[in-house]
């Protein structure tokens, strides 16, 4: 728990130093954490530990994987993401989840541009789509960064519900979320499997 606090505080401080512009790689964050820990653990080891922990716990949303697999048969597919994972990490995640690797990845920590402030979308339009914006549709679960912002730039989007949004849309108890790290971990351990099962399908009309 103490490590999580140090790690998250370090990420915030680094973003603050950059005036919240561009993005960070996981290696930059773990390097800063390692310095705070007087290099008792190396940056590379911390990076590996965090990525492997995440990789072990990733789960697919099966319906979206099915849709992805169908679309890629007929269309060129891209993954555009805000993340501190580098390209090789994303490819490992896709491989582990048995998802066919897309034609190209657009990753915020490598382009130093982000979806949530519009810079990644502008870069994507200028460098890839050019004038063919209507031939592109983005599928995502964040109302702002996946739908509103690209929509304001003339891109088409299709919104699916994130697990949190679907949970709330179904009118289920909102007590799962807590500002206390200890309480939050306990609730994840208690309700995580239920939430995962209920929200696996991102479409509200098929919910039971």
Protein backbone atom coordinates (compact mmCIF):
# COMPACT_ATOMS: atom_id res chain seq x y z
CA UNK A 1 0.00 0.00 0.00
CA UNK A 2 2.83 2.38 0.84
CA UNK A 3 4.52 1.60 -2.47
CA UNK A 4 1.33 2.37 -4.40
CA UNK A 5 1.18 5.79 -2.72
CA UNK A 6 4.83 6.54 -3.59
CA UNK A 7 4.40 5.30 -7.14
CA UNK A 8 1.21 7.28 -7.85
CA UNK A 9 2.56 10.41 -6.20
CA UNK A 10 5.70 10.12 -8.34
CA UNK A 11 3.66 9.91 -11.53
CA UNK A 12 1.67 13.00 -10.55
CA UNK A 13 4.80 14.96 -9.68
CA UNK A 14 6.42 14.09 -13.02
CA UNK A 15 3.32 15.14 -14.94
CA UNK A 16 3.19 18.34 -12.90
CA UNK A 17 6.82 19.10 -13.81
CA UNK A 18 5.85 18.78 -17.48
CA UNK A 19 2.83 21.06 -16.94
CA UNK A 20 0.69 18.03 -17.81
CA UNK A 21 1.85 18.23 -21.43
CA UNK A 22 2.86 15.21 -23.49
CA UNK A 23 3.01 11.89 -21.67
CA UNK A 24 5.23 9.61 -19.60
CA UNK A 25 6.71 6.18 -20.14
CA UNK A 26 6.51 3.65 -17.33
CA UNK A 27 10.32 3.64 -17.22
CA UNK A 28 10.33 7.36 -16.42
CA UNK A 29 7.96 6.78 -13.51
CA UNK A 30 9.86 3.81 -12.08
CA UNK A 31 13.16 5.69 -12.44
CA UNK A 32 11.74 8.49 -10.29
CA UNK A 33 10.38 5.98 -7.76
CA UNK A 34 13.74 4.19 -7.62
CA UNK A 35 15.44 7.49 -6.79
CA UNK A 36 12.94 8.11 -3.99
CA UNK A 37 13.73 4.66 -2.63
CA UNK A 38 17.45 5.49 -2.71
CA UNK A 39 17.84 2.97 -5.54
CA UNK A 40 17.23 0.03 -3.19
CA UNK A 41 15.36 -1.42 -6.16
CA UNK A 42 16.38 -0.61 -9.72
CA UNK A 43 14.11 1.24 -12.11
CA UNK A 44 14.21 -1.71 -14.54
CA UNK A 45 13.14 -4.15 -11.84
CA UNK A 46 10.25 -1.94 -10.73
CA UNK A 47 9.12 -1.53 -14.33
CA UNK A 48 9.22 -5.28 -14.91
CA UNK A 49 7.36 -6.03 -11.68
CA UNK A 50 4.57 -3.57 -12.44
CA UNK A 51 4.11 -4.66 -16.04
CA UNK A 52 4.13 -8.38 -15.19
CA UNK A 53 1.61 -7.84 -12.40
CA UNK A 54 -0.70 -5.97 -14.77
CA UNK A 55 -0.21 -8.52 -17.54
CA UNK A 56 -1.17 -11.34 -15.19
CA UNK A 57 -4.40 -9.59 -14.21
CA UNK A 58 -5.61 -8.34 -17.60
CA UNK A 59 -8.90 -9.82 -18.81
CA UNK A 60 -10.66 -9.43 -22.14
CA UNK A 61 -14.21 -8.30 -22.79
CA UNK A 62 -15.07 -11.33 -24.98
CA UNK A 63 -17.76 -9.58 -27.03
CA UNK A 64 -15.36 -6.78 -27.98
CA UNK A 65 -12.68 -9.33 -28.92
CA UNK A 66 -15.21 -11.04 -31.18
CA UNK A 67 -16.14 -7.71 -32.80
CA UNK A 68 -12.43 -6.85 -33.17
CA UNK A 69 -11.72 -10.20 -34.83
CA UNK A 70 -14.57 -9.70 -37.31
CA UNK A 71 -13.71 -6.10 -38.19
CA UNK A 72 -10.05 -6.87 -38.84
CA UNK A 73 -11.09 -9.33 -41.59
CA UNK A 74 -12.48 -6.47 -43.68
CA UNK A 75 -10.98 -3.21 -42.42
CA UNK A 76 -7.62 -1.81 -41.43
CA UNK A 77 -7.66 -1.61 -37.64
CA UNK A 78 -5.67 0.70 -35.38
CA UNK A 79 -5.32 0.88 -31.63
CA UNK A 80 -5.09 4.44 -30.34
CA UNK A 81 -4.37 4.59 -26.63
CA UNK A 82 -3.35 6.84 -23.74
CA UNK A 83 -0.86 4.71 -21.84
CA UNK A 84 2.60 4.70 -20.28
CA UNK A 85 3.23 1.25 -21.80
CA UNK A 86 5.62 1.17 -24.75
CA UNK A 87 4.80 -0.55 -28.04
CA UNK A 88 6.47 -3.85 -27.18
CA UNK A 89 4.43 -4.02 -23.95
CA UNK A 90 1.15 -3.46 -25.81
CA UNK A 91 2.08 -6.23 -28.26
CA UNK A 92 2.75 -8.60 -25.33
CA UNK A 93 -0.67 -7.74 -23.87
CA UNK A 94 -2.43 -8.40 -27.18
CA UNK A 95 -0.54 -11.66 -27.60
CA UNK A 96 -1.43 -12.81 -24.09
CA UNK A 97 -5.09 -12.04 -24.70
CA UNK A 98 -4.90 -13.88 -28.05
CA UNK A 99 -5.89 -10.77 -30.00
CA UNK A 100 -4.51 -10.42 -33.50
CA UNK A 101 -1.98 -7.58 -33.63
CA UNK A 102 -3.44 -4.58 -35.50
CA UNK A 103 -1.82 -2.92 -38.47
CA UNK A 104 -0.48 -0.08 -36.36
CA UNK A 105 -0.46 1.30 -32.83
CA UNK A 106 -0.72 4.93 -31.81
CA UNK A 107 0.59 5.19 -28.24
CA UNK A 108 0.60 8.39 -26.22
CA UNK A 109 3.90 7.82 -24.39
CA UNK A 110 5.72 7.34 -27.70
CA UNK A 111 4.05 10.14 -29.67
CA UNK A 112 4.08 12.41 -26.58
CA UNK A 113 0.49 13.30 -27.44
CA UNK A 114 -2.72 12.25 -25.72
CA UNK A 115 -6.32 11.47 -26.61
CA UNK A 116 -7.74 13.19 -23.54
CA UNK A 117 -6.42 16.62 -24.55
CA UNK A 118 -6.98 16.17 -28.29
CA UNK A 119 -3.32 16.34 -29.36
CA UNK A 120 -3.14 12.65 -30.32
CA UNK A 121 -6.31 12.94 -32.40
CA UNK A 122 -5.00 16.00 -34.24
CA UNK A 123 -1.71 14.21 -34.89
CA UNK A 124 -3.57 11.11 -36.09
CA UNK A 125 -5.67 13.16 -38.52
CA UNK A 126 -2.71 15.16 -39.87
CA UNK A 127 -0.29 12.24 -40.25
CA UNK A 128 -2.59 9.36 -41.18
CA UNK A 129 -6.11 10.28 -42.21
CA UNK A 130 -5.34 13.53 -44.07
CA UNK A 131 -8.70 14.42 -45.67
CA UNK A 132 -10.24 10.94 -45.28
CA UNK A 133 -11.73 11.52 -41.82
CA UNK A 134 -15.16 10.12 -42.77
CA UNK A 135 -13.62 6.77 -43.66
CA UNK A 136 -12.64 6.29 -40.03
CA UNK A 137 -14.71 5.37 -36.97
CA UNK A 138 -13.36 5.09 -33.45
CA UNK A 139 -14.76 2.66 -30.89
CA UNK A 140 -14.08 3.49 -27.25
CA UNK A 141 -15.51 3.59 -23.74
CA UNK A 142 -14.52 7.06 -22.56
CA UNK A 143 -17.23 9.63 -23.29
CA UNK A 144 -14.79 12.54 -23.50
CA UNK A 145 -11.50 11.26 -24.95
CA UNK A 146 -13.02 8.56 -27.19
CA UNK A 147 -16.16 10.35 -28.38
CA UNK A 148 -16.53 14.05 -27.59
CA UNK A 149 -13.02 15.20 -28.49
CA UNK A 150 -12.62 13.23 -31.75
CA UNK A 151 -16.20 14.23 -32.62
CA UNK A 152 -15.31 17.89 -32.23
CA UNK A 153 -12.48 17.29 -34.71
CA UNK A 154 -14.82 15.76 -37.28
CA UNK A 155 -14.21 12.08 -36.54
CA UNK A 156 -16.96 9.50 -36.21
CA UNK A 157 -17.11 7.51 -33.00
CA UNK A 158 -19.10 4.69 -31.44
CA UNK A 159 -19.40 4.69 -27.66
CA UNK A 160 -19.43 1.49 -25.63
CA UNK A 161 -19.92 1.42 -21.87
CA UNK A 162 -16.88 1.14 -19.62
CA UNK A 163 -17.28 -1.33 -16.73
CA UNK A 164 -17.78 1.54 -14.27
CA UNK A 165 -20.34 3.31 -16.48
CA UNK A 166 -22.29 0.12 -17.09
CA UNK A 167 -22.35 -0.69 -13.37
CA UNK A 168 -23.80 2.75 -12.66
CA UNK A 169 -26.21 2.60 -15.63
CA UNK A 170 -27.68 -0.62 -14.21
CA UNK A 171 -28.38 1.25 -10.96
CA UNK A 172 -26.14 -1.01 -8.90
CA UNK A 173 -24.60 0.20 -5.60
CA UNK A 174 -21.92 2.86 -6.05
CA UNK A 175 -20.28 1.92 -2.77
CA UNK A 176 -17.59 -0.04 -4.61
CA UNK A 177 -15.48 3.09 -5.02
CA UNK A 178 -13.62 4.52 -2.05
CA UNK A 179 -11.07 7.30 -1.54
CA UNK A 180 -9.35 5.12 1.05
CA UNK A 181 -6.79 2.83 -0.58
CA UNK A 182 -7.30 0.12 2.05
CA UNK A 183 -11.08 0.17 1.62
CA UNK A 184 -10.76 0.26 -2.15
CA UNK A 185 -8.53 -2.85 -2.16
CA UNK A 186 -10.95 -4.70 0.13
CA UNK A 187 -13.89 -3.86 -2.13
CA UNK A 188 -12.01 -4.97 -5.23
CA UNK A 189 -11.22 -8.29 -3.53
CA UNK A 190 -14.84 -8.72 -2.43
CA UNK A 191 -16.75 -7.49 -5.49
CA UNK A 192 -14.20 -7.58 -8.33
CA UNK A 193 -15.28 -10.92 -9.80
CA UNK A 194 -18.96 -9.90 -9.70
CA UNK A 195 -18.30 -6.53 -11.35
CA UNK A 196 -16.16 -8.19 -14.02
CA UNK A 197 -18.91 -10.68 -14.87
CA UNK A 198 -21.75 -8.14 -14.91
CA UNK A 199 -19.87 -5.53 -16.96
CA UNK A 200 -18.04 -7.84 -19.37
CA UNK A 201 -20.68 -7.12 -22.00
CA UNK A 202 -20.42 -3.37 -22.80
CA UNK A 203 -23.92 -3.21 -24.28
CA UNK A 204 -26.73 -2.31 -21.91
CA UNK A 205 -29.60 -3.85 -23.87
CA UNK A 206 -28.27 -7.40 -23.42
CA UNK A 207 -27.84 -7.14 -19.65
CA UNK A 208 -29.65 -9.46 -17.28
